[in-house]
Amino acid sequence: MGPLDPLSIIALALIVIIGLPHGAFDGAVALSLGYTRTLQGFVGFIVIYILISVLVVMFWLKFPELALVLFLGITVIHFGLSDTQPGTLIQRGIQIAAHGGMIVIATSMFHWSEVELIFEQLIGGKSEFLWPILLVCTYGFAGVLAFYGVLAYMRPALRLRLSELAILGVAYSVLPPLAGFALYFCGVHTPRHVTRIWRSLRKSERGRISVLPLVVVFTVISWTAGVVIFWLIQTAATVDSTIIRVIFIGLAALTVPHMILVDGLFHRRHKDF
């Protein structure tokens, strides 16, 4: 993989500085759920969170191809969940597939050769096995978009999100893949996620008081984890390749416990989230 262009370098920096720390609210989320109200509970939560992340990294290094497929799948689900509007199970499923699929599937199809190089850096080998899967998903994604259009026609409340999706699709087609990902991750997903978490947490006075210190702690943990992963997986490859591996394997490692906590446990407690 050749040297990254300036826009992609800026994109990676934004992902690290703005995108990764958005999961730092997980400490405050855990507090609101009662998991960190004592020192023992706080330490236990940190240990379990880090352990899950470490296991994800180990799984990726052992089974990189399977790990990449699973990572793309949970990315679609996690991003899609954050962009949905209330509705029936089918209506929400269509929204999840549309919004989550746009960043993963559309970007891959728009920038096949560039994305292929990124995938190969992430798994340390060829990625031919993945493209037939993505191609099948592309046909399914086209059908989902058609259903989403019909759904938005029937429910005017969805039209703004559908318009947002269309604008992002155009942006993904023009921007380099890393820049397109950073646009969504830092400009759409992170602000939306932080706003929704804060809106739910502010109902609890304890949550309001404790958010900032916990955000700082988890931000430091995230960046420290990145340094550790960089040390673990550095090879004779270029620095750019290693940085890409660190960032995206790190994202996978942090996304799994983040989804368990936010999309699972927190969502059950806060149905309006």
Protein backbone atom coordinates (compact mmCIF):
# COMPACT_ATOMS: atom_id res chain seq x y z
CA MET A 1 0.00 0.00 0.00
CA GLY A 2 1.42 3.36 -1.04
CA PRO A 3 1.67 6.49 1.09
CA LEU A 4 -1.66 7.94 2.19
CA ASP A 5 -2.91 11.13 0.59
CA PRO A 6 -3.20 14.23 2.84
CA LEU A 7 -7.00 13.97 3.07
CA SER A 8 -6.79 10.38 4.29
CA ILE A 9 -4.14 11.31 6.87
CA ILE A 10 -6.41 14.06 8.19
CA ALA A 11 -9.30 11.59 8.22
CA LEU A 12 -7.35 9.09 10.33
CA ALA A 13 -6.34 11.84 12.75
CA LEU A 14 -9.98 12.89 13.14
CA ILE A 15 -11.05 9.28 13.73
CA VAL A 16 -8.52 9.00 16.57
CA ILE A 17 -9.13 12.43 18.11
CA ILE A 18 -12.91 12.74 17.69
CA GLY A 19 -14.29 9.33 16.79
CA LEU A 20 -12.55 6.93 19.18
CA PRO A 21 -13.25 8.96 22.37
CA HIS A 22 -17.02 8.94 21.70
CA GLY A 23 -17.02 5.55 23.39
CA ALA A 24 -15.52 7.26 26.43
CA PHE A 25 -19.08 7.95 27.57
CA ASP A 26 -19.30 4.23 28.31
CA GLY A 27 -18.00 4.86 31.82
CA ALA A 28 -20.84 7.28 32.51
CA VAL A 29 -23.29 4.84 30.93
CA ALA A 30 -22.03 2.10 33.25
CA LEU A 31 -22.44 4.46 36.20
CA SER A 32 -26.04 5.18 35.25
CA LEU A 33 -26.67 1.44 35.14
CA GLY A 34 -25.19 1.02 38.61
CA TYR A 35 -22.05 -0.88 37.58
CA THR A 36 -19.46 1.65 38.80
CA ARG A 37 -20.94 3.16 41.95
CA THR A 38 -18.32 1.50 44.14
CA LEU A 39 -14.58 1.26 43.66
CA GLN A 40 -14.85 -2.51 43.36
CA GLY A 41 -17.58 -2.19 40.75
CA PHE A 42 -15.61 0.44 38.82
CA VAL A 43 -12.46 -1.69 38.75
CA GLY A 44 -14.47 -4.75 37.79
CA PHE A 45 -16.14 -2.92 34.93
CA ILE A 46 -12.81 -1.61 33.62
CA VAL A 47 -11.25 -5.07 33.80
CA ILE A 48 -14.15 -6.74 31.96
CA TYR A 49 -14.24 -3.97 29.33
CA ILE A 50 -10.51 -4.25 28.67
CA LEU A 51 -10.63 -8.06 28.71
CA ILE A 52 -13.32 -8.12 26.02
CA SER A 53 -11.27 -5.67 23.92
CA VAL A 54 -8.12 -7.76 24.30
CA LEU A 55 -9.99 -10.92 23.32
CA VAL A 56 -11.26 -9.17 20.19
CA VAL A 57 -7.71 -8.19 19.22
CA MET A 58 -6.46 -11.73 19.84
CA PHE A 59 -9.34 -13.16 17.80
CA TRP A 60 -8.53 -10.76 14.95
CA LEU A 61 -4.85 -11.69 14.93
CA LYS A 62 -5.75 -15.42 14.95
CA PHE A 63 -8.69 -15.35 12.51
CA PRO A 64 -8.31 -12.09 10.53
CA GLU A 65 -10.64 -12.98 7.63
CA LEU A 66 -13.54 -14.00 9.88
CA ALA A 67 -12.87 -11.06 12.18
CA LEU A 68 -13.09 -8.60 9.27
CA VAL A 69 -16.41 -10.04 8.10
CA LEU A 70 -17.83 -9.88 11.62
CA PHE A 71 -16.50 -6.34 12.09
CA LEU A 72 -18.19 -5.14 8.91
CA GLY A 73 -21.41 -6.79 10.06
CA ILE A 74 -21.45 -5.20 13.51
CA THR A 75 -20.47 -1.87 11.96
CA VAL A 76 -23.61 -1.96 9.81
CA ILE A 77 -25.74 -2.83 12.83
CA HIS A 78 -24.19 -0.31 15.23
CA PHE A 79 -24.18 2.61 12.82
CA GLY A 80 -27.62 1.71 11.56
CA LEU A 81 -29.09 1.54 15.07
CA SER A 82 -27.82 5.03 15.85
CA ASP A 83 -29.63 6.50 12.83
CA THR A 84 -33.04 4.87 13.14
CA GLN A 85 -36.35 6.50 13.96
CA PRO A 86 -39.04 4.74 16.05
CA GLY A 87 -41.19 2.25 14.18
CA THR A 88 -42.08 -1.41 13.84
CA LEU A 89 -39.40 -4.09 13.87
CA ILE A 90 -39.46 -4.29 10.06
CA GLN A 91 -39.33 -0.50 9.67
CA ARG A 92 -36.36 -0.24 12.00
CA GLY A 93 -34.66 -3.14 10.26
CA ILE A 94 -34.95 -1.35 6.91
CA GLN A 95 -33.49 1.81 8.42
CA ILE A 96 -30.62 -0.08 10.06
CA ALA A 97 -29.71 -1.86 6.82
CA ALA A 98 -29.96 1.36 4.80
CA HIS A 99 -27.97 3.67 7.06
CA GLY A 100 -25.43 1.10 8.21
CA GLY A 101 -25.08 -0.40 4.75
CA MET A 102 -24.40 2.92 3.06
CA ILE A 103 -21.07 3.49 4.79
CA VAL A 104 -19.88 -0.13 4.45
CA ILE A 105 -21.37 -1.41 1.19
CA ALA A 106 -21.64 1.77 -0.87
CA THR A 107 -18.14 2.94 0.04
CA SER A 108 -16.72 -0.46 -0.90
CA MET A 109 -18.45 -0.42 -4.28
CA PHE A 110 -17.58 3.21 -5.04
CA HIS A 111 -13.88 2.69 -4.26
CA TRP A 112 -13.32 -1.00 -4.91
CA SER A 113 -9.55 -0.92 -5.49
CA GLU A 114 -8.77 1.46 -2.63
CA VAL A 115 -10.97 -0.39 -0.14
CA GLU A 116 -9.47 -3.70 -1.25
CA LEU A 117 -6.02 -2.42 -0.28
CA ILE A 118 -7.34 -1.35 3.13
CA PHE A 119 -8.96 -4.75 3.70
CA GLU A 120 -5.72 -6.49 2.74
CA GLN A 121 -3.80 -4.40 5.24
CA LEU A 122 -6.29 -5.30 7.96
CA ILE A 123 -6.08 -9.05 7.39
CA GLY A 124 -2.48 -9.25 6.21
CA GLY A 125 -3.39 -11.05 3.00
CA LYS A 126 -5.66 -11.16 -0.02
CA SER A 127 -9.32 -10.22 0.33
CA GLU A 128 -10.85 -11.92 -2.74
CA PHE A 129 -13.07 -14.02 -0.47
CA LEU A 130 -14.88 -10.90 0.74
CA TRP A 131 -15.96 -9.34 -2.54
CA PRO A 132 -18.53 -11.97 -3.58
CA ILE A 133 -20.15 -11.43 -0.18
CA LEU A 134 -20.16 -7.66 -0.64
CA LEU A 135 -21.53 -8.01 -4.16
CA VAL A 136 -24.49 -10.07 -2.93
CA CYS A 137 -25.02 -7.54 -0.14
CA THR A 138 -25.03 -4.76 -2.74
CA TYR A 139 -28.06 -6.24 -4.50
CA GLY A 140 -29.80 -6.62 -1.17
CA PHE A 141 -28.83 -3.07 -0.24
CA ALA A 142 -30.40 -1.73 -3.45
CA GLY A 143 -33.64 -3.45 -2.49
CA VAL A 144 -33.45 -2.01 1.02
CA LEU A 145 -33.06 1.51 -0.40
CA ALA A 146 -36.15 1.00 -2.55
CA PHE A 147 -38.17 -0.13 0.47
CA TYR A 148 -36.79 2.80 2.47
CA GLY A 149 -37.98 5.21 -0.22
CA VAL A 150 -41.49 3.75 -0.05
CA LEU A 151 -41.39 3.87 3.74
CA ALA A 152 -40.30 7.51 3.73
CA TYR A 153 -43.11 8.34 1.29
CA MET A 154 -45.60 6.80 3.72
CA ARG A 155 -43.97 8.31 6.81
CA PRO A 156 -42.89 11.94 6.27
CA ALA A 157 -40.88 11.86 9.51
CA LEU A 158 -38.33 9.64 7.76
CA ARG A 159 -37.75 11.94 4.80
CA LEU A 160 -35.11 14.05 6.52
CA ARG A 161 -33.04 10.97 7.38
CA LEU A 162 -33.48 9.61 3.86
CA SER A 163 -32.26 12.94 2.47
CA GLU A 164 -29.28 12.77 4.83
CA LEU A 165 -28.54 9.28 3.55
CA ALA A 166 -28.65 10.46 -0.07
CA ILE A 167 -26.28 13.36 0.65
CA LEU A 168 -23.86 11.03 2.45
CA GLY A 169 -24.02 8.61 -0.47
CA VAL A 170 -22.93 11.37 -2.85
CA ALA A 171 -20.13 12.35 -0.46
CA TYR A 172 -18.91 8.74 -0.20
CA SER A 173 -18.76 8.50 -3.99
CA VAL A 174 -16.52 11.57 -4.21
CA LEU A 175 -14.32 11.35 -1.12
CA PRO A 176 -11.53 8.81 -0.61
CA PRO A 177 -12.85 5.89 1.49
CA LEU A 178 -11.05 6.87 4.70
CA ALA A 179 -12.26 10.46 4.37
CA GLY A 180 -15.82 9.28 3.73
CA PHE A 181 -15.69 7.06 6.80
CA ALA A 182 -14.33 9.93 8.91
CA LEU A 183 -17.08 12.23 7.64
CA TYR A 184 -19.74 9.85 8.90
CA PHE A 185 -17.98 8.60 12.03
CA CYS A 186 -16.86 12.01 13.29
CA GLY A 187 -19.46 14.29 11.73
CA VAL A 188 -22.66 12.26 12.05
CA HIS A 189 -22.36 9.20 14.29
CA THR A 190 -20.28 10.66 17.13
CA PRO A 191 -22.31 13.89 17.63
CA ARG A 192 -25.58 11.97 17.37
CA HIS A 193 -24.41 9.28 19.78
CA VAL A 194 -23.02 11.74 22.33
CA THR A 195 -26.18 13.87 22.18
CA ARG A 196 -28.47 10.89 22.73
CA ILE A 197 -26.34 9.51 25.56
CA TRP A 198 -26.14 12.90 27.25
CA ARG A 199 -29.89 13.42 26.89
CA SER A 200 -30.51 10.12 28.65
CA LEU A 201 -27.83 10.63 31.31
CA ARG A 202 -28.86 14.16 32.27
CA LYS A 203 -32.04 12.76 33.80
CA SER A 204 -29.76 11.43 36.52
CA GLU A 205 -28.00 14.05 38.65
CA ARG A 206 -25.29 11.53 39.49
CA GLY A 207 -24.78 10.95 35.80
CA ARG A 208 -24.38 14.67 35.10
CA ILE A 209 -21.80 15.12 37.84
CA SER A 210 -19.74 12.09 36.88
CA VAL A 211 -19.71 12.29 33.08
CA LEU A 212 -16.60 14.43 32.51
CA PRO A 213 -14.14 12.54 34.77
CA LEU A 214 -15.25 9.21 33.33
CA VAL A 215 -14.98 10.53 29.76
CA VAL A 216 -11.40 11.61 30.47
CA VAL A 217 -10.54 8.22 32.00
CA PHE A 218 -11.98 6.25 29.09
CA THR A 219 -10.41 8.55 26.50
CA VAL A 220 -7.00 7.91 28.03
CA ILE A 221 -7.74 4.17 28.07
CA SER A 222 -8.71 4.29 24.37
CA TRP A 223 -5.55 6.09 23.33
CA THR A 224 -3.39 3.87 25.55
CA ALA A 225 -4.96 0.80 23.98
CA GLY A 226 -4.03 2.20 20.57
CA VAL A 227 -0.39 2.50 21.59
CA VAL A 228 -0.40 -1.07 22.95
CA ILE A 229 -2.01 -2.44 19.77
CA PHE A 230 0.54 -0.53 17.67
CA TRP A 231 3.33 -2.21 19.63
CA LEU A 232 1.72 -5.65 19.31
CA ILE A 233 1.09 -5.65 15.57
CA GLN A 234 3.92 -3.55 14.17
CA THR A 235 5.63 -5.36 11.31
CA ALA A 236 7.97 -4.59 8.47
CA ALA A 237 5.03 -2.97 6.68
CA THR A 238 4.87 0.77 6.15
CA VAL A 239 3.94 3.09 8.99
CA ASP A 240 0.73 4.02 7.13
CA SER A 241 -0.33 0.38 6.95
CA THR A 242 0.40 -0.18 10.62
CA ILE A 243 -1.56 2.92 11.61
CA ILE A 244 -4.57 1.73 9.59
CA ARG A 245 -4.41 -1.67 11.29
CA VAL A 246 -4.10 -0.11 14.74
CA ILE A 247 -7.03 2.25 14.21
CA PHE A 248 -9.48 -0.23 12.71
CA ILE A 249 -8.55 -3.26 14.80
CA GLY A 250 -8.72 -0.91 17.77
CA LEU A 251 -12.16 0.23 16.63
CA ALA A 252 -13.29 -3.37 16.45
CA ALA A 253 -11.89 -4.08 19.91
CA LEU A 254 -13.71 -1.10 21.42
CA THR A 255 -16.92 -1.54 19.44
CA VAL A 256 -17.77 -4.98 20.85
CA PRO A 257 -17.93 -3.99 24.56
CA HIS A 258 -19.39 -0.62 23.52
CA MET A 259 -22.26 -2.34 21.69
CA ILE A 260 -22.89 -4.76 24.54
CA LEU A 261 -23.14 -1.85 26.96
CA VAL A 262 -24.93 0.79 24.88
CA ASP A 263 -26.99 -1.08 22.28
CA GLY A 264 -27.76 -3.88 24.72
CA LEU A 265 -27.85 -3.04 28.42
CA PHE A 266 -28.37 0.74 28.22
CA HIS A 267 -31.02 0.49 25.51
CA ARG A 268 -33.03 -1.95 27.62
CA ARG A 269 -33.10 0.56 30.47
CA HIS A 270 -33.75 3.61 28.27
CA LYS A 271 -36.31 2.61 25.67
CA ASP A 272 -36.31 6.15 24.23
CA PHE A 273 -32.57 5.89 23.40
